[in-house]
Amino acid sequence: MLPFARVAIIGLGLIGSSIARAVRADMPGVRLTGHDADPQARDVVRALGIVDDVADHAGAAVIDADLVILCVPVGAMGAVAAEIAADLPADAIVSDVGSSKAGIAAALREALPNATIVPAHPVAGTERSGPDAGFATLFKGRWCILTPAADTDPLAVERVAEFWRRIGADIEMMAPDHHDLVLAITSHLPHLIAYTIVGTASDLEEVTQSEVIKYSAGGFRDFTRIAASDPTMWRDVFLANKDAVLEMLQRFSEDLSALQRAIRWGKGDELFDLFTRTRAVRRSIVEQGQDDAREDFGRGRG
């Protein structure tokens, strides 16, 4: 039995369009409706045929849904929730895909005080965006973290968990605040560092931009891949999760200062010990199936 019969996806970019494709592939009996604020994106989705109906207004998309998934930037969650409030069925479950949870949960509760809300975060993505960027296997073997409030109906939580299992994700439960701290170090801070490094390189007066591009080694190329991520989404993530990000940034700044001192004073043993520990972390990530051990991360030489 399917966990949901009628699913509405609000926001049809990388994540939203990937959910639609995955549902098409793994739960073909589910009726899908969708909406995106961008008329051009709606036209693309209609042409792709990845949902049964594309609505011009968010409210129209949710009118008979039993699951509504908000796939919009975290800064827009509250406004979009308010937009669908009048048309949301009383028994519908509302979820999302945002990468910060405490602030989103509060915004959804304020806009939809009587709704059943099960916040979710699929830890998956690429640097690409838009409906054309989605693919059905994006969530296969990836974690989806659910952060429901303590008083949320357990059956509703299990239905959302089963939805994500059906499209390939592994499920983890976390408190919203703990989720935000974990993701601040594993996702948000790395993006912030990538944006900073690429920005620094582009601002160097002694090195031309053409040289930065021409002589980019593998490490810098990986930073540019991360730094190519959607700017609206990441602006909102940093503002929504600012307390946890600032806490991790302070810790990182202290560790960076220690590394700077080790280099300045020629403390090779300290550097070697750090690099040995970080290499072990990389090995563990590969062993747990969260990345590819092949040369150049399996991306080839293209």
C-alpha atoms as a PDB file:
ATOM      1  CA  MET A   1       0.000   0.000   0.000  1.00  0.00           C
ATOM      2  CA  LEU A   2       1.299   3.443  -0.943  1.00  0.00           C
ATOM      3  CA  PRO A   3       1.975   5.858   1.938  1.00  0.00           C
ATOM      4  CA  PHE A   4       0.244   8.661  -0.033  1.00  0.00           C
ATOM      5  CA  ALA A   5      -2.072   8.693  -3.046  1.00  0.00           C
ATOM      6  CA  ARG A   6      -1.909  12.388  -3.992  1.00  0.00           C
ATOM      7  CA  VAL A   7       1.304  14.378  -3.578  1.00  0.00           C
ATOM      8  CA  ALA A   8       1.750  18.102  -4.259  1.00  0.00           C
ATOM      9  CA  ILE A   9       5.246  19.474  -4.840  1.00  0.00           C
ATOM     10  CA  ILE A  10       5.665  23.230  -4.406  1.00  0.00           C
ATOM     11  CA  GLY A  11       8.920  24.315  -6.025  1.00  0.00           C
ATOM     12  CA  LEU A  12      10.091  22.338  -9.053  1.00  0.00           C
ATOM     13  CA  GLY A  13      13.842  22.914  -9.095  1.00  0.00           C
ATOM     14  CA  LEU A  14      16.529  20.266  -8.621  1.00  0.00           C
ATOM     15  CA  ILE A  15      15.018  18.681  -5.511  1.00  0.00           C
ATOM     16  CA  GLY A  16      11.349  19.091  -6.375  1.00  0.00           C
ATOM     17  CA  SER A  17      11.733  17.780  -9.916  1.00  0.00           C
ATOM     18  CA  SER A  18      13.894  14.897  -8.648  1.00  0.00           C
ATOM     19  CA  ILE A  19      11.170  13.931  -6.157  1.00  0.00           C
ATOM     20  CA  ALA A  20       8.644  13.964  -9.009  1.00  0.00           C
ATOM     21  CA  ARG A  21      10.853  11.777 -11.191  1.00  0.00           C
ATOM     22  CA  ALA A  22      11.560   9.374  -8.311  1.00  0.00           C
ATOM     23  CA  VAL A  23       7.864   9.035  -7.493  1.00  0.00           C
ATOM     24  CA  ARG A  24       7.133   8.385 -11.168  1.00  0.00           C
ATOM     25  CA  ALA A  25       9.752   5.617 -11.166  1.00  0.00           C
ATOM     26  CA  ASP A  26       9.113   4.013  -7.768  1.00  0.00           C
ATOM     27  CA  MET A  27       5.462   4.812  -6.964  1.00  0.00           C
ATOM     28  CA  PRO A  28       3.753   5.145 -10.353  1.00  0.00           C
ATOM     29  CA  GLY A  29       0.294   4.927  -8.775  1.00  0.00           C
ATOM     30  CA  VAL A  30       0.717   8.289  -7.004  1.00  0.00           C
ATOM     31  CA  ARG A  31      -0.994  11.300  -8.580  1.00  0.00           C
ATOM     32  CA  LEU A  32       1.404  14.251  -8.688  1.00  0.00           C
ATOM     33  CA  THR A  33       0.571  17.933  -8.829  1.00  0.00           C
ATOM     34  CA  GLY A  34       3.128  20.697  -8.847  1.00  0.00           C
ATOM     35  CA  HIS A  35       3.637  24.429  -8.779  1.00  0.00           C
ATOM     36  CA  ASP A  36       6.585  26.750  -9.205  1.00  0.00           C
ATOM     37  CA  ALA A  37       6.561  30.518  -8.790  1.00  0.00           C
ATOM     38  CA  ASP A  38       8.530  30.870 -12.046  1.00  0.00           C
ATOM     39  CA  PRO A  39       6.219  30.624 -15.100  1.00  0.00           C
ATOM     40  CA  GLN A  40       9.135  29.451 -17.247  1.00  0.00           C
ATOM     41  CA  ALA A  41       9.848  26.602 -14.820  1.00  0.00           C
ATOM     42  CA  ARG A  42       6.176  25.612 -14.960  1.00  0.00           C
ATOM     43  CA  ASP A  43       6.362  25.463 -18.753  1.00  0.00           C
ATOM     44  CA  VAL A  44       9.487  23.294 -18.605  1.00  0.00           C
ATOM     45  CA  VAL A  45       7.817  20.878 -16.189  1.00  0.00           C
ATOM     46  CA  ARG A  46       4.742  20.656 -18.377  1.00  0.00           C
ATOM     47  CA  ALA A  47       6.979  19.791 -21.331  1.00  0.00           C
ATOM     48  CA  LEU A  48       8.863  17.198 -19.299  1.00  0.00           C
ATOM     49  CA  GLY A  49       5.628  15.549 -18.185  1.00  0.00           C
ATOM     50  CA  ILE A  50       7.005  14.600 -14.772  1.00  0.00           C
ATOM     51  CA  VAL A  51       3.804  15.546 -12.903  1.00  0.00           C
ATOM     52  CA  ASP A  52       0.152  14.964 -13.764  1.00  0.00           C
ATOM     53  CA  ASP A  53      -0.850  18.593 -13.390  1.00  0.00           C
ATOM     54  CA  VAL A  54       1.060  21.880 -13.084  1.00  0.00           C
ATOM     55  CA  ALA A  55      -0.942  24.551 -11.271  1.00  0.00           C
ATOM     56  CA  ASP A  56      -0.449  28.266 -11.813  1.00  0.00           C
ATOM     57  CA  HIS A  57      -1.076  28.956  -8.118  1.00  0.00           C
ATOM     58  CA  ALA A  58       0.277  27.112  -5.080  1.00  0.00           C
ATOM     59  CA  GLY A  59      -3.162  26.806  -3.489  1.00  0.00           C
ATOM     60  CA  ALA A  60      -4.565  25.071  -6.545  1.00  0.00           C
ATOM     61  CA  ALA A  61      -1.772  22.495  -6.411  1.00  0.00           C
ATOM     62  CA  VAL A  62      -2.574  21.358  -2.858  1.00  0.00           C
ATOM     63  CA  ILE A  63      -6.358  21.388  -2.952  1.00  0.00           C
ATOM     64  CA  ASP A  64      -6.783  17.578  -2.866  1.00  0.00           C
ATOM     65  CA  ALA A  65      -3.296  16.491  -1.722  1.00  0.00           C
ATOM     66  CA  ASP A  66      -2.624  14.160   1.202  1.00  0.00           C
ATOM     67  CA  LEU A  67       1.090  15.079   1.216  1.00  0.00           C
ATOM     68  CA  VAL A  68       2.451  18.541   0.420  1.00  0.00           C
ATOM     69  CA  ILE A  69       6.224  18.952   0.054  1.00  0.00           C
ATOM     70  CA  LEU A  70       7.606  22.489   0.076  1.00  0.00           C
ATOM     71  CA  CYS A  71      10.750  22.564  -2.076  1.00  0.00           C
ATOM     72  CA  VAL A  72      11.403  26.307  -1.961  1.00  0.00           C
ATOM     73  CA  PRO A  73      14.308  28.324  -0.486  1.00  0.00           C
ATOM     74  CA  VAL A  74      14.206  28.243   3.309  1.00  0.00           C
ATOM     75  CA  GLY A  75      13.611  31.992   3.467  1.00  0.00           C
ATOM     76  CA  ALA A  76      10.382  31.556   1.490  1.00  0.00           C
ATOM     77  CA  MET A  77       8.918  28.658   3.493  1.00  0.00           C
ATOM     78  CA  GLY A  78       6.683  30.764   5.742  1.00  0.00           C
ATOM     79  CA  ALA A  79       5.283  32.852   2.901  1.00  0.00           C
ATOM     80  CA  VAL A  80       4.561  29.800   0.727  1.00  0.00           C
ATOM     81  CA  ALA A  81       2.925  27.997   3.662  1.00  0.00           C
ATOM     82  CA  ALA A  82       0.675  31.009   4.208  1.00  0.00           C
ATOM     83  CA  GLU A  83      -0.165  31.004   0.497  1.00  0.00           C
ATOM     84  CA  ILE A  84      -1.504  27.431   0.627  1.00  0.00           C
ATOM     85  CA  ALA A  85      -3.198  27.687   4.044  1.00  0.00           C
ATOM     86  CA  ALA A  86      -6.730  28.390   2.776  1.00  0.00           C
ATOM     87  CA  ASP A  87      -6.666  25.462   0.287  1.00  0.00           C
ATOM     88  CA  LEU A  88      -4.839  22.867   2.383  1.00  0.00           C
ATOM     89  CA  PRO A  89      -7.011  19.819   3.191  1.00  0.00           C
ATOM     90  CA  ALA A  90      -7.497  19.278   6.919  1.00  0.00           C
ATOM     91  CA  ASP A  91      -5.983  15.786   6.823  1.00  0.00           C
ATOM     92  CA  ALA A  92      -2.986  16.627   4.630  1.00  0.00           C
ATOM     93  CA  ILE A  93       0.553  16.242   5.939  1.00  0.00           C
ATOM     94  CA  VAL A  94       2.949  19.107   5.191  1.00  0.00           C
ATOM     95  CA  SER A  95       6.663  18.484   4.796  1.00  0.00           C
ATOM     96  CA  ASP A  96       9.650  20.287   3.286  1.00  0.00           C
ATOM     97  CA  VAL A  97      13.210  19.680   2.097  1.00  0.00           C
ATOM     98  CA  GLY A  98      15.063  22.594   3.711  1.00  0.00           C
ATOM     99  CA  SER A  99      18.583  22.146   5.052  1.00  0.00           C
ATOM    100  CA  SER A 100      17.919  24.106   8.253  1.00  0.00           C
ATOM    101  CA  LYS A 101      15.084  22.868  10.429  1.00  0.00           C
ATOM    102  CA  ALA A 102      14.415  24.831  13.635  1.00  0.00           C
ATOM    103  CA  GLY A 103      13.503  28.072  11.875  1.00  0.00           C
ATOM    104  CA  ILE A 104      11.489  26.321   9.181  1.00  0.00           C
ATOM    105  CA  ALA A 105       9.484  24.355  11.736  1.00  0.00           C
ATOM    106  CA  ALA A 106       8.587  27.567  13.547  1.00  0.00           C
ATOM    107  CA  ALA A 107       7.594  29.308  10.297  1.00  0.00           C
ATOM    108  CA  LEU A 108       5.408  26.397   9.207  1.00  0.00           C
ATOM    109  CA  ARG A 109       3.686  26.157  12.593  1.00  0.00           C
ATOM    110  CA  GLU A 110       2.925  29.879  12.526  1.00  0.00           C
ATOM    111  CA  ALA A 111       1.480  29.787   9.007  1.00  0.00           C
ATOM    112  CA  LEU A 112      -0.311  26.447   9.410  1.00  0.00           C
ATOM    113  CA  PRO A 113      -1.236  26.164  13.112  1.00  0.00           C
ATOM    114  CA  ASN A 114      -3.703  23.307  12.596  1.00  0.00           C
ATOM    115  CA  ALA A 115      -1.719  21.261  10.080  1.00  0.00           C
ATOM    116  CA  THR A 116       0.242  18.060  10.668  1.00  0.00           C
ATOM    117  CA  ILE A 117       3.848  19.029   9.930  1.00  0.00           C
ATOM    118  CA  VAL A 118       6.737  16.581   9.465  1.00  0.00           C
ATOM    119  CA  PRO A 119       9.881  18.531   8.475  1.00  0.00           C
ATOM    120  CA  ALA A 120      12.416  16.625   6.374  1.00  0.00           C
ATOM    121  CA  HIS A 121      15.847  17.178   4.872  1.00  0.00           C
ATOM    122  CA  PRO A 122      17.096  14.880   2.116  1.00  0.00           C
ATOM    123  CA  VAL A 123      20.884  15.183   2.308  1.00  0.00           C
ATOM    124  CA  ALA A 124      21.397  15.055  -1.435  1.00  0.00           C
ATOM    125  CA  GLY A 125      21.942  17.484  -4.253  1.00  0.00           C
ATOM    126  CA  THR A 126      24.239  18.784  -6.954  1.00  0.00           C
ATOM    127  CA  GLU A 127      25.514  22.215  -7.895  1.00  0.00           C
ATOM    128  CA  ARG A 128      22.933  22.395 -10.686  1.00  0.00           C
ATOM    129  CA  SER A 129      19.449  23.903 -10.342  1.00  0.00           C
ATOM    130  CA  GLY A 130      16.150  24.054 -12.192  1.00  0.00           C
ATOM    131  CA  PRO A 131      13.659  21.426 -13.422  1.00  0.00           C
ATOM    132  CA  ASP A 132      16.066  20.118 -16.067  1.00  0.00           C
ATOM    133  CA  ALA A 133      18.657  19.316 -13.377  1.00  0.00           C
ATOM    134  CA  GLY A 134      16.570  16.701 -11.566  1.00  0.00           C
ATOM    135  CA  PHE A 135      16.964  12.936 -11.842  1.00  0.00           C
ATOM    136  CA  ALA A 136      15.094   9.992 -10.332  1.00  0.00           C
ATOM    137  CA  THR A 137      18.036   8.408  -8.492  1.00  0.00           C
ATOM    138  CA  LEU A 138      19.171  11.523  -6.605  1.00  0.00           C
ATOM    139  CA  PHE A 139      18.041  10.120  -3.248  1.00  0.00           C
ATOM    140  CA  LYS A 140      19.177   6.508  -3.669  1.00  0.00           C
ATOM    141  CA  GLY A 141      21.389   5.513  -0.746  1.00  0.00           C
ATOM    142  CA  ARG A 142      21.297   9.025   0.746  1.00  0.00           C
ATOM    143  CA  TRP A 143      20.038  10.085   4.153  1.00  0.00           C
ATOM    144  CA  CYS A 144      16.766  11.862   4.687  1.00  0.00           C
ATOM    145  CA  ILE A 145      16.607  13.391   8.159  1.00  0.00           C
ATOM    146  CA  LEU A 146      13.171  13.885   9.726  1.00  0.00           C
ATOM    147  CA  THR A 147      12.806  16.413  12.552  1.00  0.00           C
ATOM    148  CA  PRO A 148       9.198  16.182  13.789  1.00  0.00           C
ATOM    149  CA  ALA A 149       8.051  17.850  16.995  1.00  0.00           C
ATOM    150  CA  ALA A 150       7.703  15.544  19.980  1.00  0.00           C
ATOM    151  CA  ASP A 151       3.903  15.659  19.852  1.00  0.00           C
ATOM    152  CA  THR A 152       3.592  14.863  16.133  1.00  0.00           C
ATOM    153  CA  ASP A 153       1.347  11.904  15.263  1.00  0.00           C
ATOM    154  CA  PRO A 154       3.709   8.883  14.979  1.00  0.00           C
ATOM    155  CA  LEU A 155       1.665   7.483  12.090  1.00  0.00           C
ATOM    156  CA  ALA A 156       2.176  10.715  10.123  1.00  0.00           C
ATOM    157  CA  VAL A 157       5.923  10.551  10.764  1.00  0.00           C
ATOM    158  CA  GLU A 158       6.061   6.936   9.616  1.00  0.00           C
ATOM    159  CA  ARG A 159       4.108   7.711   6.438  1.00  0.00           C
ATOM    160  CA  VAL A 160       6.589  10.453   5.505  1.00  0.00           C
ATOM    161  CA  ALA A 161       9.501   8.139   6.377  1.00  0.00           C
ATOM    162  CA  GLU A 162       8.039   5.397   4.168  1.00  0.00           C
ATOM    163  CA  PHE A 163       7.582   7.875   1.306  1.00  0.00           C
ATOM    164  CA  TRP A 164      11.304   8.636   1.378  1.00  0.00           C
ATOM    165  CA  ARG A 165      12.237   4.958   1.752  1.00  0.00           C
ATOM    166  CA  ARG A 166      10.210   4.160  -1.371  1.00  0.00           C
ATOM    167  CA  ILE A 167      12.351   6.556  -3.436  1.00  0.00           C
ATOM    168  CA  GLY A 168      15.586   5.131  -2.078  1.00  0.00           C
ATOM    169  CA  ALA A 169      16.541   7.207   0.969  1.00  0.00           C
ATOM    170  CA  ASP A 170      17.693   5.981   4.382  1.00  0.00           C
ATOM    171  CA  ILE A 171      15.877   7.587   7.310  1.00  0.00           C
ATOM    172  CA  GLU A 172      17.332   9.266  10.400  1.00  0.00           C
ATOM    173  CA  MET A 173      15.469  11.122  13.158  1.00  0.00           C
ATOM    174  CA  MET A 174      16.924  14.195  14.873  1.00  0.00           C
ATOM    175  CA  ALA A 175      15.844  17.096  17.024  1.00  0.00           C
ATOM    176  CA  PRO A 176      15.736  20.264  14.874  1.00  0.00           C
ATOM    177  CA  ASP A 177      18.446  22.100  16.834  1.00  0.00           C
ATOM    178  CA  HIS A 178      20.797  19.105  16.685  1.00  0.00           C
ATOM    179  CA  HIS A 179      20.180  18.739  12.964  1.00  0.00           C
ATOM    180  CA  ASP A 180      21.116  22.381  12.413  1.00  0.00           C
ATOM    181  CA  LEU A 181      24.375  21.978  14.321  1.00  0.00           C
ATOM    182  CA  VAL A 182      25.327  18.798  12.442  1.00  0.00           C
ATOM    183  CA  LEU A 183      24.565  20.310   9.042  1.00  0.00           C
ATOM    184  CA  ALA A 184      26.378  23.530   9.924  1.00  0.00           C
ATOM    185  CA  ILE A 185      29.664  21.598  10.036  1.00  0.00           C
ATOM    186  CA  THR A 186      29.009  18.960   7.360  1.00  0.00           C
ATOM    187  CA  SER A 187      27.340  21.155   4.720  1.00  0.00           C
ATOM    188  CA  HIS A 188      26.891  24.839   5.503  1.00  0.00           C
ATOM    189  CA  LEU A 189      30.445  25.659   6.617  1.00  0.00           C
ATOM    190  CA  PRO A 190      32.046  23.811   3.644  1.00  0.00           C
ATOM    191  CA  HIS A 191      29.874  25.860   1.292  1.00  0.00           C
ATOM    192  CA  LEU A 192      30.855  29.056   3.078  1.00  0.00           C
ATOM    193  CA  ILE A 193      34.542  28.135   2.798  1.00  0.00           C
ATOM    194  CA  ALA A 194      34.151  27.280  -0.886  1.00  0.00           C
ATOM    195  CA  TYR A 195      32.481  30.596  -1.649  1.00  0.00           C
ATOM    196  CA  THR A 196      35.261  32.399   0.233  1.00  0.00           C
ATOM    197  CA  ILE A 197      38.171  30.588  -1.439  1.00  0.00           C
ATOM    198  CA  VAL A 198      36.776  31.026  -4.939  1.00  0.00           C
ATOM    199  CA  GLY A 199      36.016  34.682  -4.179  1.00  0.00           C
ATOM    200  CA  THR A 200      39.547  35.225  -2.866  1.00  0.00           C
ATOM    201  CA  ALA A 201      41.042  33.673  -5.999  1.00  0.00           C
ATOM    202  CA  SER A 202      38.927  35.867  -8.254  1.00  0.00           C
ATOM    203  CA  ASP A 203      40.028  39.000  -6.340  1.00  0.00           C
ATOM    204  CA  LEU A 204      43.794  38.375  -6.449  1.00  0.00           C
ATOM    205  CA  GLU A 205      45.426  41.239  -8.300  1.00  0.00           C
ATOM    206  CA  GLU A 206      48.726  39.364  -8.708  1.00  0.00           C
ATOM    207  CA  VAL A 207      47.027  36.406 -10.442  1.00  0.00           C
ATOM    208  CA  THR A 208      44.744  36.925 -13.422  1.00  0.00           C
ATOM    209  CA  GLN A 209      41.359  35.249 -13.638  1.00  0.00           C
ATOM    210  CA  SER A 210      42.487  33.388 -16.755  1.00  0.00           C
ATOM    211  CA  GLU A 211      45.410  31.911 -14.793  1.00  0.00           C
ATOM    212  CA  VAL A 212      43.115  30.854 -11.960  1.00  0.00           C
ATOM    213  CA  ILE A 213      40.941  29.009 -14.463  1.00  0.00           C
ATOM    214  CA  LYS A 214      43.793  27.617 -16.593  1.00  0.00           C
ATOM    215  CA  TYR A 215      45.909  26.227 -13.757  1.00  0.00           C
ATOM    216  CA  SER A 216      43.185  25.079 -11.370  1.00  0.00           C
ATOM    217  CA  ALA A 217      44.279  21.879  -9.630  1.00  0.00           C
ATOM    218  CA  GLY A 218      41.830  19.258  -8.405  1.00  0.00           C
ATOM    219  CA  GLY A 219      41.292  20.826  -4.992  1.00  0.00           C
ATOM    220  CA  PHE A 220      40.329  24.221  -6.378  1.00  0.00           C
ATOM    221  CA  ARG A 221      38.101  22.615  -9.019  1.00  0.00           C
ATOM    222  CA  ASP A 222      36.160  20.854  -6.242  1.00  0.00           C
ATOM    223  CA  PHE A 223      35.709  24.161  -4.421  1.00  0.00           C
ATOM    224  CA  THR A 224      34.380  25.801  -7.591  1.00  0.00           C
ATOM    225  CA  ARG A 225      31.862  22.969  -7.996  1.00  0.00           C
ATOM    226  CA  ILE A 226      30.476  23.653  -4.508  1.00  0.00           C
ATOM    227  CA  ALA A 227      30.608  27.418  -5.049  1.00  0.00           C
ATOM    228  CA  ALA A 228      28.445  27.039  -8.174  1.00  0.00           C
ATOM    229  CA  SER A 229      25.446  26.067  -6.006  1.00  0.00           C
ATOM    230  CA  ASP A 230      22.244  28.092  -6.127  1.00  0.00           C
ATOM    231  CA  PRO A 231      22.951  31.539  -4.597  1.00  0.00           C
ATOM    232  CA  THR A 232      19.388  32.213  -3.426  1.00  0.00           C
ATOM    233  CA  MET A 233      19.162  28.903  -1.611  1.00  0.00           C
ATOM    234  CA  TRP A 234      22.484  29.297   0.150  1.00  0.00           C
ATOM    235  CA  ARG A 235      21.913  32.939   1.101  1.00  0.00           C
ATOM    236  CA  ASP A 236      18.729  31.827   2.859  1.00  0.00           C
ATOM    237  CA  VAL A 237      20.405  28.808   4.483  1.00  0.00           C
ATOM    238  CA  PHE A 238      23.135  30.907   6.090  1.00  0.00           C
ATOM    239  CA  LEU A 239      20.642  33.452   7.394  1.00  0.00           C
ATOM    240  CA  ALA A 240      18.201  30.801   8.630  1.00  0.00           C
ATOM    241  CA  ASN A 241      20.881  28.775  10.425  1.00  0.00           C
ATOM    242  CA  LYS A 242      23.118  31.663  11.432  1.00  0.00           C
ATOM    243  CA  ASP A 243      23.604  30.695  15.103  1.00  0.00           C
ATOM    244  CA  ALA A 244      24.879  27.200  14.329  1.00  0.00           C
ATOM    245  CA  VAL A 245      26.929  28.423  11.362  1.00  0.00           C
ATOM    246  CA  LEU A 246      28.566  31.162  13.435  1.00  0.00           C
ATOM    247  CA  GLU A 247      29.345  28.660  16.206  1.00  0.00           C
ATOM    248  CA  MET A 248      31.042  26.295  13.736  1.00  0.00           C
ATOM    249  CA  LEU A 249      32.770  29.208  11.990  1.00  0.00           C
ATOM    250  CA  GLN A 250      34.278  30.314  15.303  1.00  0.00           C
ATOM    251  CA  ARG A 251      35.565  26.792  15.958  1.00  0.00           C
ATOM    252  CA  PHE A 252      36.959  26.619  12.428  1.00  0.00           C
ATOM    253  CA  SER A 253      38.670  30.010  12.842  1.00  0.00           C
ATOM    254  CA  GLU A 254      40.401  28.782  16.000  1.00  0.00           C
ATOM    255  CA  ASP A 255      41.571  25.588  14.277  1.00  0.00           C
ATOM    256  CA  LEU A 256      42.743  27.602  11.270  1.00  0.00           C
ATOM    257  CA  SER A 257      44.797  29.866  13.551  1.00  0.00           C
ATOM    258  CA  ALA A 258      46.444  26.793  15.105  1.00  0.00           C
ATOM    259  CA  LEU A 259      47.263  25.495  11.629  1.00  0.00           C
ATOM    260  CA  GLN A 260      48.691  28.880  10.679  1.00  0.00           C
ATOM    261  CA  ARG A 261      50.983  28.789  13.733  1.00  0.00           C
ATOM    262  CA  ALA A 262      52.118  25.240  12.904  1.00  0.00           C
ATOM    263  CA  ILE A 263      53.109  26.284   9.391  1.00  0.00           C
ATOM    264  CA  ARG A 264      54.799  29.481  10.567  1.00  0.00           C
ATOM    265  CA  TRP A 265      56.918  27.670  13.179  1.00  0.00           C
ATOM    266  CA  GLY A 266      57.659  24.611  11.060  1.00  0.00           C
ATOM    267  CA  LYS A 267      55.774  22.135  13.271  1.00  0.00           C
ATOM    268  CA  GLY A 268      55.731  19.275  10.783  1.00  0.00           C
ATOM    269  CA  ASP A 269      54.563  16.679  13.313  1.00  0.00           C
ATOM    270  CA  GLU A 270      51.398  18.667  14.054  1.00  0.00           C
ATOM    271  CA  LEU A 271      50.646  19.006  10.362  1.00  0.00           C
ATOM    272  CA  PHE A 272      51.258  15.292   9.755  1.00  0.00           C
ATOM    273  CA  ASP A 273      48.994  14.278  12.649  1.00  0.00           C
ATOM    274  CA  LEU A 274      46.174  16.513  11.410  1.00  0.00           C
ATOM    275  CA  PHE A 275      46.434  15.259   7.831  1.00  0.00           C
ATOM    276  CA  THR A 276      46.463  11.651   9.061  1.00  0.00           C
ATOM    277  CA  ARG A 277      43.265  12.176  11.055  1.00  0.00           C
ATOM    278  CA  THR A 278      41.491  13.911   8.172  1.00  0.00           C
ATOM    279  CA  ARG A 279      42.509  11.161   5.757  1.00  0.00           C
ATOM    280  CA  ALA A 280      40.826   8.647   8.049  1.00  0.00           C
ATOM    281  CA  VAL A 281      37.606  10.684   7.952  1.00  0.00           C
ATOM    282  CA  ARG A 282      37.668  10.584   4.141  1.00  0.00           C
ATOM    283  CA  ARG A 283      38.162   6.810   4.211  1.00  0.00           C
ATOM    284  CA  SER A 284      35.174   6.403   6.531  1.00  0.00           C
ATOM    285  CA  ILE A 285      32.929   8.464   4.234  1.00  0.00           C
ATOM    286  CA  VAL A 286      33.821   6.225   1.285  1.00  0.00           C
ATOM    287  CA  GLU A 287      33.364   3.040   3.341  1.00  0.00           C
ATOM    288  CA  GLN A 288      29.850   4.130   4.339  1.00  0.00           C
ATOM    289  CA  GLY A 289      28.893   4.656   0.702  1.00  0.00           C
ATOM    290  CA  GLN A 290      28.605   8.448   0.909  1.00  0.00           C
ATOM    291  CA  ASP A 291      31.115   9.065  -1.905  1.00  0.00           C
ATOM    292  CA  ASP A 292      33.130   7.312  -4.598  1.00  0.00           C
ATOM    293  CA  ALA A 293      36.615   5.952  -3.963  1.00  0.00           C
ATOM    294  CA  ARG A 294      37.570   5.941  -7.647  1.00  0.00           C
ATOM    295  CA  GLU A 295      40.229   8.305  -8.949  1.00  0.00           C
ATOM    296  CA  ASP A 296      39.026  11.906  -9.209  1.00  0.00           C
ATOM    297  CA  PHE A 297      35.943  10.904  -7.163  1.00  0.00           C
ATOM    298  CA  GLY A 298      34.678   8.813 -10.102  1.00  0.00           C
ATOM    299  CA  ARG A 299      33.939  11.916 -12.148  1.00  0.00           C
ATOM    300  CA  GLY A 300      36.266  11.092 -15.016  1.00  0.00           C
ATOM    301  CA  ARG A 301      38.477  13.502 -16.878  1.00  0.00           C
ATOM    302  CA  GLY A 302      35.854  15.481 -18.786  1.00  0.00           C
END
